[in-house]
């Protein structure tokens, strides 16, 4: 993916760019997760106040993220920064490593209380689980979700329900305990990180949790690790340079946004601050928010014109996909569409406007298109470390087949037997029904070492090395 500074939304809003810079002081070379964490925090800010109408249903503004990356590359320490911002904004956060269903959705416990007659009696009290209420929830080792087993399967189902729109029946988590029904409404946002465990691709393709989160996978080779290590070492004994926006200004932005959203809901519903905070139940607040969701934000004509490009661009990434995963990858498209609308609303918030425009939607799609492309390339072309000799030989044969189907040409001073690299890649793409970016990645992973390369003007040519001829 591109660097964060190459996205229009980052460049347009100084506090967004400043946030990414501050994040990078803690977690180096992870600016895509930095962008996602900004929307993650902003989604928690907006969760009690914003419902995005969608015909007879609605979405909420939360952003859930699943970050897959090798160990010791800045995932855990990133939460230190995100958690600090949440705390300074007055938002609750918690961390989940393992636990029971009761720990997630709540349960019952017994307490001794003093009755009117002065005697103590035992009463049953419901306890709220980690998914209950409004909070940012960090799964620092998300591999617990990916490991097969009854408990983890139930955990995934609860997480899926927690991701469903706030205020919908499907957002209510239900568990039956000894004839007692426990119900929990979740306003939690999920921030899940993990190293790439074995079999994760197959799990991603079959479990619905991944159609509800923004999934970001990033490969770290030794060169990238070394560059980050050099940056880290160079920062020792040095005070971090001031960014374009200070940390306090970032926190003030989020706090001001919360007040702006709350005040608009209060004005639209003709509710006082005291009524909202002290007198209304959570159910009454939800009813109030949904009653004005068509007025809270509106969309102009440019927004609807931009929706055509959004759909067309996402489906263009499915062209040429292998039939074995095409249908599964297509199941991610509705999530990309939902998040396009959600992030467009986020960007309208950043623009301090209540009208969502085509520009807002374009900036949202700009980020999500790359995330979706990154996901497809990973699902198509992830290379298992330590591949067997037979597997390597099969890849070699596949590339030689594509190479030998292209007519050779002679290059001045370089001799005969050269093929256009683009033609070989196109042939390989057609042979295996994969997208062009995936063909490039497979070439770099499996075939680059087999060929010599040369340029004639702007055209790249390859020729099989003599040892492999």
Protein backbone atom coordinates (compact mmCIF):
# COMPACT_ATOMS: atom_id res chain seq x y z
CA UNK A 1 0.00 0.00 0.00
CA UNK A 2 0.94 3.64 -0.34
CA UNK A 3 2.28 5.74 2.47
CA UNK A 4 -0.36 7.57 4.51
CA UNK A 5 0.86 10.94 3.23
CA UNK A 6 -0.12 9.90 -0.31
CA UNK A 7 -3.81 9.82 0.58
CA UNK A 8 -5.91 12.90 -0.04
CA UNK A 9 -7.66 12.80 3.35
CA UNK A 10 -4.35 12.82 5.24
CA UNK A 11 -3.03 15.76 3.26
CA UNK A 12 -6.23 17.80 3.50
CA UNK A 13 -6.68 17.70 7.28
CA UNK A 14 -3.66 18.80 9.37
CA UNK A 15 -4.91 17.11 12.55
CA UNK A 16 -5.23 13.80 10.66
CA UNK A 17 -1.71 14.13 9.27
CA UNK A 18 -0.45 15.21 12.68
CA UNK A 19 -2.08 12.19 14.30
CA UNK A 20 -0.33 9.85 11.85
CA UNK A 21 2.99 11.54 12.65
CA UNK A 22 2.47 11.20 16.41
CA UNK A 23 1.52 7.53 16.00
CA UNK A 24 4.72 7.01 14.01
CA UNK A 25 6.84 8.24 16.90
CA UNK A 26 5.68 5.19 18.84
CA UNK A 27 5.06 2.55 16.15
CA UNK A 28 7.50 3.05 13.27
CA UNK A 29 6.59 2.44 9.62
CA UNK A 30 3.00 1.53 10.45
CA UNK A 31 1.18 4.51 9.01
CA UNK A 32 -1.71 2.50 7.51
CA UNK A 33 -2.68 1.19 10.98
CA UNK A 34 -2.17 4.79 12.13
CA UNK A 35 -4.89 5.94 9.72
CA UNK A 36 -7.19 3.12 10.78
CA UNK A 37 -6.67 3.93 14.47
CA UNK A 38 -7.71 7.54 13.86
CA UNK A 39 -11.04 6.35 12.46
CA UNK A 40 -11.22 3.76 15.24
CA UNK A 41 -11.06 6.50 17.91
CA UNK A 42 -13.35 8.83 15.99
CA UNK A 43 -15.88 6.01 15.61
CA UNK A 44 -15.97 5.58 19.39
CA UNK A 45 -16.45 9.31 19.82
CA UNK A 46 -19.42 9.27 17.45
CA UNK A 47 -20.94 5.92 18.50
CA UNK A 48 -23.63 7.29 20.88
CA UNK A 49 -24.77 10.05 18.50
CA UNK A 50 -24.56 9.01 14.84
CA UNK A 51 -26.71 6.52 12.93
CA UNK A 52 -26.28 6.40 9.17
CA UNK A 53 -29.65 5.67 7.54
CA UNK A 54 -29.67 3.04 4.80
CA UNK A 55 -33.18 2.63 3.45
CA UNK A 56 -35.12 0.82 6.20
CA UNK A 57 -31.98 -0.02 8.19
CA UNK A 58 -28.94 1.89 9.39
CA UNK A 59 -25.21 1.71 10.10
CA UNK A 60 -23.28 3.14 13.03
CA UNK A 61 -19.96 5.03 12.79
CA UNK A 62 -17.72 2.51 14.54
CA UNK A 63 -14.61 1.23 12.73
CA UNK A 64 -13.31 -2.22 13.65
CA UNK A 65 -9.78 -3.17 12.61
CA UNK A 66 -7.92 -6.49 12.30
CA UNK A 67 -4.16 -6.02 11.84
CA UNK A 68 -2.09 -9.06 10.80
CA UNK A 69 1.67 -8.59 10.92
CA UNK A 70 4.77 -10.46 12.18
CA UNK A 71 5.80 -10.26 15.83
CA UNK A 72 7.98 -7.41 17.11
CA UNK A 73 6.96 -4.96 14.40
CA UNK A 74 5.09 -2.37 16.47
CA UNK A 75 1.57 -3.79 16.91
CA UNK A 76 1.44 -3.93 20.70
CA UNK A 77 3.19 -0.64 21.32
CA UNK A 78 0.79 1.05 18.92
CA UNK A 79 -1.99 0.39 21.41
CA UNK A 80 -0.02 2.33 24.02
CA UNK A 81 -0.49 5.43 21.90
CA UNK A 82 -4.10 4.68 20.95
CA UNK A 83 -4.95 3.89 24.57
CA UNK A 84 -3.43 7.16 25.76
CA UNK A 85 -5.50 9.17 23.29
CA UNK A 86 -8.66 7.29 24.29
CA UNK A 87 -7.96 7.88 27.97
CA UNK A 88 -7.22 11.58 27.50
CA UNK A 89 -10.47 11.92 25.54
CA UNK A 90 -12.40 10.37 28.41
CA UNK A 91 -13.21 7.18 26.49
CA UNK A 92 -13.21 3.78 28.19
CA UNK A 93 -10.87 1.08 26.91
CA UNK A 94 -10.03 -2.46 27.91
CA UNK A 95 -7.81 -5.34 26.78
CA UNK A 96 -8.88 -8.94 26.19
CA UNK A 97 -6.42 -11.82 26.21
CA UNK A 98 -8.56 -14.77 27.29
CA UNK A 99 -11.60 -15.44 29.35
CA UNK A 100 -15.07 -16.93 29.55
CA UNK A 101 -18.26 -16.00 27.77
CA UNK A 102 -19.34 -14.25 30.95
CA UNK A 103 -16.23 -12.14 30.68
CA UNK A 104 -17.34 -10.99 27.23
CA UNK A 105 -21.10 -10.57 27.53
CA UNK A 106 -21.73 -10.58 31.27
CA UNK A 107 -23.17 -13.01 33.78
CA UNK A 108 -24.70 -13.24 37.20
CA UNK A 109 -23.20 -13.25 40.64
CA UNK A 110 -24.55 -13.50 44.18
CA UNK A 111 -24.17 -10.76 46.76
CA UNK A 112 -25.23 -10.46 50.42
CA UNK A 113 -27.18 -7.30 51.17
CA UNK A 114 -28.90 -6.02 54.28
CA UNK A 115 -32.70 -6.14 54.12
CA UNK A 116 -35.24 -3.80 55.68
CA UNK A 117 -35.38 -5.97 58.79
CA UNK A 118 -31.63 -5.67 59.23
CA UNK A 119 -31.00 -9.23 58.20
CA UNK A 120 -28.66 -10.08 55.35
CA UNK A 121 -30.06 -11.86 52.35
CA UNK A 122 -28.49 -13.21 49.20
CA UNK A 123 -29.49 -11.55 45.92
CA UNK A 124 -28.53 -12.20 42.30
CA UNK A 125 -26.84 -9.35 40.44
CA UNK A 126 -26.09 -9.11 36.72
CA UNK A 127 -22.53 -8.14 35.78
CA UNK A 128 -21.62 -6.45 32.49
CA UNK A 129 -19.13 -8.16 30.18
CA UNK A 130 -16.30 -6.55 28.25
CA UNK A 131 -18.40 -6.22 25.09
CA UNK A 132 -21.13 -4.40 26.96
CA UNK A 133 -21.49 -0.63 26.85
CA UNK A 134 -19.30 1.93 25.08
CA UNK A 135 -15.58 1.18 25.01
CA UNK A 136 -12.57 0.52 22.80
CA UNK A 137 -11.61 -3.12 23.16
CA UNK A 138 -8.11 -4.33 22.30
CA UNK A 139 -7.42 -7.97 21.38
CA UNK A 140 -3.63 -7.78 21.56
CA UNK A 141 -3.25 -11.40 20.50
CA UNK A 142 -6.00 -12.02 18.03
CA UNK A 143 -4.73 -15.51 17.22
CA UNK A 144 -7.02 -16.71 20.03
CA UNK A 145 -9.87 -15.98 17.61
CA UNK A 146 -8.22 -17.96 14.83
CA UNK A 147 -7.52 -21.14 16.75
CA UNK A 148 -10.17 -23.82 16.29
CA UNK A 149 -12.14 -24.90 19.30
CA UNK A 150 -15.57 -24.53 20.83
CA UNK A 151 -14.70 -21.55 23.01
CA UNK A 152 -13.06 -19.53 20.23
CA UNK A 153 -15.96 -20.27 17.87
CA UNK A 154 -18.42 -18.87 20.40
CA UNK A 155 -16.14 -15.89 20.95
CA UNK A 156 -16.18 -15.13 17.22
CA UNK A 157 -19.98 -15.29 17.16
CA UNK A 158 -20.20 -12.79 20.00
CA UNK A 159 -17.72 -10.49 18.28
CA UNK A 160 -19.71 -10.69 15.05
CA UNK A 161 -22.85 -9.66 16.93
CA UNK A 162 -21.00 -6.81 18.64
CA UNK A 163 -20.03 -5.47 15.20
CA UNK A 164 -23.64 -5.35 14.00
CA UNK A 165 -25.20 -1.85 13.92
CA UNK A 166 -25.89 -0.28 17.30
CA UNK A 167 -29.60 -0.04 17.90
CA UNK A 168 -30.43 -3.12 15.83
CA UNK A 169 -31.78 -6.37 17.26
CA UNK A 170 -28.73 -8.21 15.90
CA UNK A 171 -26.45 -6.07 18.09
CA UNK A 172 -27.90 -7.55 21.29
CA UNK A 173 -25.70 -10.33 22.69
CA UNK A 174 -27.72 -13.07 24.34
CA UNK A 175 -26.69 -15.92 26.64
CA UNK A 176 -28.90 -18.27 28.64
CA UNK A 177 -27.72 -19.23 32.13
CA UNK A 178 -29.74 -21.65 34.28
CA UNK A 179 -33.06 -20.41 32.96
CA UNK A 180 -31.92 -16.79 33.06
CA UNK A 181 -31.53 -14.73 29.89
CA UNK A 182 -28.57 -12.34 29.80
CA UNK A 183 -28.79 -9.53 27.22
CA UNK A 184 -25.99 -7.10 26.45
CA UNK A 185 -25.95 -4.16 24.04
CA UNK A 186 -22.50 -3.46 22.62
CA UNK A 187 -21.12 -0.07 21.63
CA UNK A 188 -17.59 -1.49 21.66
CA UNK A 189 -15.08 -0.93 18.86
CA UNK A 190 -12.71 -3.84 18.20
CA UNK A 191 -8.97 -3.38 17.64
CA UNK A 192 -7.53 -6.83 16.94
CA UNK A 193 -3.87 -7.60 16.19
CA UNK A 194 -2.00 -10.84 15.59
CA UNK A 195 1.05 -12.35 13.96
CA UNK A 196 0.18 -14.47 10.88
CA UNK A 197 -0.72 -17.86 12.41
CA UNK A 198 -0.79 -21.00 10.31
CA UNK A 199 -4.01 -21.45 8.36
CA UNK A 200 -5.17 -17.87 8.87
CA UNK A 201 -6.03 -17.42 5.18
CA UNK A 202 -8.45 -20.31 5.23
CA UNK A 203 -10.03 -18.90 8.38
CA UNK A 204 -10.39 -15.45 6.82
CA UNK A 205 -12.16 -16.99 3.84
CA UNK A 206 -14.73 -18.85 5.94
CA UNK A 207 -15.46 -16.81 9.10
CA UNK A 208 -17.90 -13.90 9.02
CA UNK A 209 -15.95 -11.75 11.49
CA UNK A 210 -13.64 -10.67 8.68
CA UNK A 211 -16.51 -9.26 6.64
CA UNK A 212 -17.20 -6.89 9.55
CA UNK A 213 -13.72 -5.48 10.11
CA UNK A 214 -11.15 -3.60 8.09
CA UNK A 215 -8.46 -6.22 7.62
CA UNK A 216 -4.91 -5.02 7.03
CA UNK A 217 -2.09 -7.45 6.34
CA UNK A 218 1.51 -6.30 6.05
CA UNK A 219 4.63 -8.24 5.14
CA UNK A 220 7.90 -7.42 6.90
CA UNK A 221 11.09 -8.73 5.33
CA UNK A 222 14.55 -8.37 6.87
CA UNK A 223 15.31 -5.18 4.91
CA UNK A 224 12.26 -3.48 6.36
CA UNK A 225 13.06 -4.69 9.87
CA UNK A 226 16.62 -3.40 9.55
CA UNK A 227 15.50 0.03 8.33
CA UNK A 228 13.09 0.35 11.26
CA UNK A 229 15.82 -0.77 13.66
CA UNK A 230 18.11 1.94 12.31
CA UNK A 231 15.40 4.57 12.80
CA UNK A 232 14.76 3.36 16.36
CA UNK A 233 18.42 3.37 17.32
CA UNK A 234 18.90 6.84 15.87
CA UNK A 235 16.16 8.17 18.15
CA UNK A 236 17.88 7.12 21.38
CA UNK A 237 18.86 10.04 23.64
CA UNK A 238 16.92 12.38 21.36
CA UNK A 239 13.77 14.34 22.08
CA UNK A 240 11.07 13.75 19.48
CA UNK A 241 10.68 16.60 17.03
CA UNK A 242 7.49 18.63 17.17
CA UNK A 243 4.93 17.61 14.58
CA UNK A 244 2.65 19.81 12.54
CA UNK A 245 0.00 19.28 15.24
CA UNK A 246 0.71 18.68 18.91
CA UNK A 247 -0.60 15.74 20.88
CA UNK A 248 -2.78 18.08 22.95
CA UNK A 249 -4.30 19.56 19.80
CA UNK A 250 -5.18 16.06 18.59
CA UNK A 251 -6.96 15.31 21.88
CA UNK A 252 -8.73 18.69 21.72
CA UNK A 253 -9.96 17.86 18.21
CA UNK A 254 -11.60 14.63 19.40
CA UNK A 255 -13.10 16.31 22.48
CA UNK A 256 -14.50 19.16 20.39
CA UNK A 257 -15.98 16.68 17.94
CA UNK A 258 -17.77 14.82 20.74
CA UNK A 259 -19.32 18.07 21.97
CA UNK A 260 -20.29 19.09 18.44
CA UNK A 261 -22.04 15.78 17.75
CA UNK A 262 -23.78 15.72 21.13
CA UNK A 263 -24.98 19.32 20.80
CA UNK A 264 -26.45 18.63 17.37
CA UNK A 265 -28.39 15.61 18.65
CA UNK A 266 -29.66 17.65 21.59
CA UNK A 267 -30.73 20.49 19.30
CA UNK A 268 -32.45 18.22 16.78
CA UNK A 269 -34.30 16.28 19.50
CA UNK A 270 -34.99 19.36 21.66
CA UNK A 271 -33.36 17.63 24.62
CA UNK A 272 -31.40 19.34 27.38
CA UNK A 273 -27.94 18.24 28.45
CA UNK A 274 -29.26 17.31 31.90
CA UNK A 275 -32.05 15.20 30.42
CA UNK A 276 -29.60 13.39 28.14
CA UNK A 277 -26.98 12.64 30.78
CA UNK A 278 -29.03 12.18 33.95
CA UNK A 279 -32.60 11.28 33.07
CA UNK A 280 -32.72 9.30 29.82
CA UNK A 281 -32.10 5.58 29.72
CA UNK A 282 -29.79 4.13 27.10
CA UNK A 283 -32.85 2.85 25.20
CA UNK A 284 -34.40 6.32 25.22
CA UNK A 285 -31.16 7.86 23.97
CA UNK A 286 -31.06 5.33 21.12
CA UNK A 287 -34.65 6.10 20.16
CA UNK A 288 -33.81 9.81 20.12
CA UNK A 289 -30.72 9.35 17.95
CA UNK A 290 -32.56 7.17 15.44
CA UNK A 291 -35.47 9.63 15.29
CA UNK A 292 -33.15 12.33 13.85
CA UNK A 293 -30.70 10.21 11.85
CA UNK A 294 -32.07 11.52 8.53
CA UNK A 295 -31.34 15.09 9.66
CA UNK A 296 -28.05 14.51 11.52
CA UNK A 297 -26.13 14.06 8.26
CA UNK A 298 -27.42 14.40 4.71
CA UNK A 299 -25.82 13.67 1.32
CA UNK A 300 -25.74 15.95 -1.73
CA UNK A 301 -26.04 15.02 -5.40
CA UNK A 302 -22.26 14.74 -5.86
CA UNK A 303 -22.25 11.98 -3.25
CA UNK A 304 -24.73 9.88 -5.22
CA UNK A 305 -22.81 10.44 -8.45
CA UNK A 306 -19.65 9.18 -6.71
CA UNK A 307 -21.34 5.96 -5.56
CA UNK A 308 -21.18 4.59 -9.12
CA UNK A 309 -17.39 4.88 -9.15
CA UNK A 310 -17.16 3.23 -5.74
CA UNK A 311 -19.03 0.13 -6.87
CA UNK A 312 -17.27 -0.03 -10.23
CA UNK A 313 -13.80 0.30 -8.68
CA UNK A 314 -14.36 -2.38 -6.05
CA UNK A 315 -15.73 -4.86 -8.57
CA UNK A 316 -12.85 -4.14 -10.94
CA UNK A 317 -10.56 -5.78 -8.38
CA UNK A 318 -12.48 -9.03 -8.78
CA UNK A 319 -11.77 -9.32 -12.50
CA UNK A 320 -9.63 -12.33 -13.33
CA UNK A 321 -9.88 -13.89 -9.87
CA UNK A 322 -9.57 -17.64 -9.58
CA UNK A 323 -13.06 -19.14 -9.35
CA UNK A 324 -12.05 -20.97 -6.16
CA UNK A 325 -11.97 -17.75 -4.13
CA UNK A 326 -13.89 -15.28 -6.33
CA UNK A 327 -17.22 -15.83 -4.56
CA UNK A 328 -15.64 -15.58 -1.13
CA UNK A 329 -13.73 -12.41 -1.97
CA UNK A 330 -16.94 -10.98 -3.45
CA UNK A 331 -18.53 -11.42 -0.02
CA UNK A 332 -16.18 -8.67 1.23
CA UNK A 333 -17.60 -6.12 -1.23
CA UNK A 334 -20.70 -5.20 0.86
CA UNK A 335 -18.37 -4.50 3.80
CA UNK A 336 -16.24 -2.25 1.58
CA UNK A 337 -19.40 -0.43 0.48
CA UNK A 338 -20.55 -0.03 4.09
CA UNK A 339 -17.18 1.26 5.22
CA UNK A 340 -17.08 3.66 2.26
CA UNK A 341 -20.23 5.31 3.58
CA UNK A 342 -18.98 5.18 7.18
CA UNK A 343 -15.58 6.71 6.37
CA UNK A 344 -17.19 9.32 4.11
CA UNK A 345 -19.27 10.34 7.14
CA UNK A 346 -16.11 10.40 9.24
CA UNK A 347 -14.45 12.71 6.73
CA UNK A 348 -17.51 14.99 6.77
CA UNK A 349 -17.03 15.19 10.55
CA UNK A 350 -13.41 16.16 9.95
CA UNK A 351 -14.65 18.83 7.50
CA UNK A 352 -16.96 20.23 10.20
CA UNK A 353 -20.00 19.82 7.96
CA UNK A 354 -23.28 17.93 8.19
CA UNK A 355 -23.41 17.29 4.43
CA UNK A 356 -21.57 14.27 3.01
CA UNK A 357 -20.26 15.01 -0.49
CA UNK A 358 -18.75 13.14 -3.40
CA UNK A 359 -15.31 14.41 -2.36
CA UNK A 360 -15.75 12.81 1.06
CA UNK A 361 -16.77 9.52 -0.55
CA UNK A 362 -13.85 9.65 -3.00
CA UNK A 363 -11.36 10.17 -0.16
CA UNK A 364 -12.88 7.24 1.74
CA UNK A 365 -12.76 4.98 -1.33
CA UNK A 366 -9.15 6.02 -1.96
CA UNK A 367 -8.12 4.34 1.30
CA UNK A 368 -10.51 1.38 1.15
CA UNK A 369 -9.67 0.49 -2.45
CA UNK A 370 -6.04 -0.05 -1.46
CA UNK A 371 -7.04 -2.03 1.63
CA UNK A 372 -9.26 -4.29 -0.47
CA UNK A 373 -6.56 -4.74 -3.11
CA UNK A 374 -4.06 -5.57 -0.39
CA UNK A 375 -6.46 -8.15 1.06
CA UNK A 376 -7.00 -9.81 -2.34
CA UNK A 377 -3.29 -9.99 -3.09
CA UNK A 378 -2.65 -11.58 0.28
CA UNK A 379 -5.42 -14.15 -0.10
CA UNK A 380 -4.25 -15.01 -3.61
CA UNK A 381 -0.53 -14.96 -3.23
CA UNK A 382 0.63 -15.43 0.38
CA UNK A 383 3.79 -17.58 0.25
CA UNK A 384 4.32 -20.13 2.99
CA UNK A 385 7.77 -19.89 4.56
CA UNK A 386 9.90 -22.98 3.99
CA UNK A 387 8.02 -24.21 0.94
CA UNK A 388 8.85 -27.75 -0.05
CA UNK A 389 11.18 -28.50 -2.91
CA UNK A 390 8.34 -29.92 -5.00
CA UNK A 391 6.31 -26.75 -4.52
CA UNK A 392 9.22 -24.62 -5.69
CA UNK A 393 9.66 -26.84 -8.72
CA UNK A 394 5.98 -26.52 -9.59
CA UNK A 395 6.24 -22.76 -9.46
CA UNK A 396 9.33 -22.88 -11.66
CA UNK A 397 7.50 -24.99 -14.25
CA UNK A 398 4.54 -22.62 -14.24
CA UNK A 399 6.74 -19.62 -14.94
CA UNK A 400 8.74 -21.40 -17.62
CA UNK A 401 5.47 -22.34 -19.33
CA UNK A 402 4.40 -18.71 -19.45
CA UNK A 403 7.90 -17.61 -20.52
CA UNK A 404 8.17 -20.14 -23.36
CA UNK A 405 4.79 -19.08 -24.77
CA UNK A 406 6.20 -15.62 -25.56
CA UNK A 407 8.18 -15.09 -28.76
CA UNK A 408 11.84 -14.17 -28.12
CA UNK A 409 13.46 -11.01 -29.47
CA UNK A 410 17.05 -9.82 -29.91
CA UNK A 411 18.28 -6.78 -28.02
CA UNK A 412 21.16 -4.71 -29.34
CA UNK A 413 24.44 -5.62 -27.59
CA UNK A 414 22.55 -8.00 -25.25
CA UNK A 415 21.96 -10.92 -27.57
CA UNK A 416 18.97 -13.13 -28.33
CA UNK A 417 16.30 -14.89 -26.31
CA UNK A 418 14.73 -11.94 -24.50
CA UNK A 419 10.99 -11.75 -23.71
CA UNK A 420 8.93 -8.74 -22.66
CA UNK A 421 8.39 -9.08 -18.93
CA UNK A 422 4.88 -7.61 -19.19
CA UNK A 423 3.93 -10.22 -21.80
CA UNK A 424 5.21 -13.08 -19.62
CA UNK A 425 3.27 -11.74 -16.64
CA UNK A 426 0.12 -11.39 -18.73
CA UNK A 427 0.49 -14.97 -19.96
CA UNK A 428 1.01 -16.24 -16.40
CA UNK A 429 -2.02 -14.24 -15.27
CA UNK A 430 -4.17 -15.83 -17.96
CA UNK A 431 -2.86 -19.35 -17.26
CA UNK A 432 -3.73 -19.17 -13.56
CA UNK A 433 -6.76 -16.82 -13.57
CA UNK A 434 -5.25 -14.32 -11.16
CA UNK A 435 -5.08 -10.53 -11.06
CA UNK A 436 -2.14 -8.55 -12.40
CA UNK A 437 -0.88 -7.37 -8.96
CA UNK A 438 -0.88 -10.99 -7.76
CA UNK A 439 1.07 -12.09 -10.85
CA UNK A 440 3.71 -9.44 -10.07
CA UNK A 441 3.94 -10.63 -6.46
CA UNK A 442 4.26 -14.28 -7.52
CA UNK A 443 6.99 -13.34 -9.98
CA UNK A 444 8.96 -11.56 -7.26
CA UNK A 445 8.42 -14.42 -4.81
CA UNK A 446 9.09 -17.38 -7.08
CA UNK A 447 10.61 -16.42 -10.42
CA UNK A 448 12.72 -13.27 -10.28
CA UNK A 449 15.84 -15.27 -9.43
CA UNK A 450 15.38 -17.43 -12.54
CA UNK A 451 15.84 -14.57 -15.01
CA UNK A 452 18.23 -11.83 -16.02
CA UNK A 453 16.59 -8.46 -16.63
CA UNK A 454 17.36 -5.66 -19.07
CA UNK A 455 15.68 -2.43 -20.18
CA UNK A 456 15.30 -1.12 -23.70
CA UNK A 457 13.92 2.38 -23.31
CA UNK A 458 11.00 2.06 -20.90
CA UNK A 459 10.38 -1.62 -21.67
CA UNK A 460 11.69 -4.34 -19.36
CA UNK A 461 12.84 -7.65 -20.85
CA UNK A 462 13.77 -10.90 -19.11
CA UNK A 463 15.82 -13.90 -20.21
CA UNK A 464 16.26 -17.26 -18.52
CA UNK A 465 19.61 -17.53 -16.79
CA UNK A 466 22.03 -19.97 -18.36
CA UNK A 467 22.12 -22.20 -15.27
CA UNK A 468 18.35 -22.64 -15.62
CA UNK A 469 18.27 -22.90 -19.38
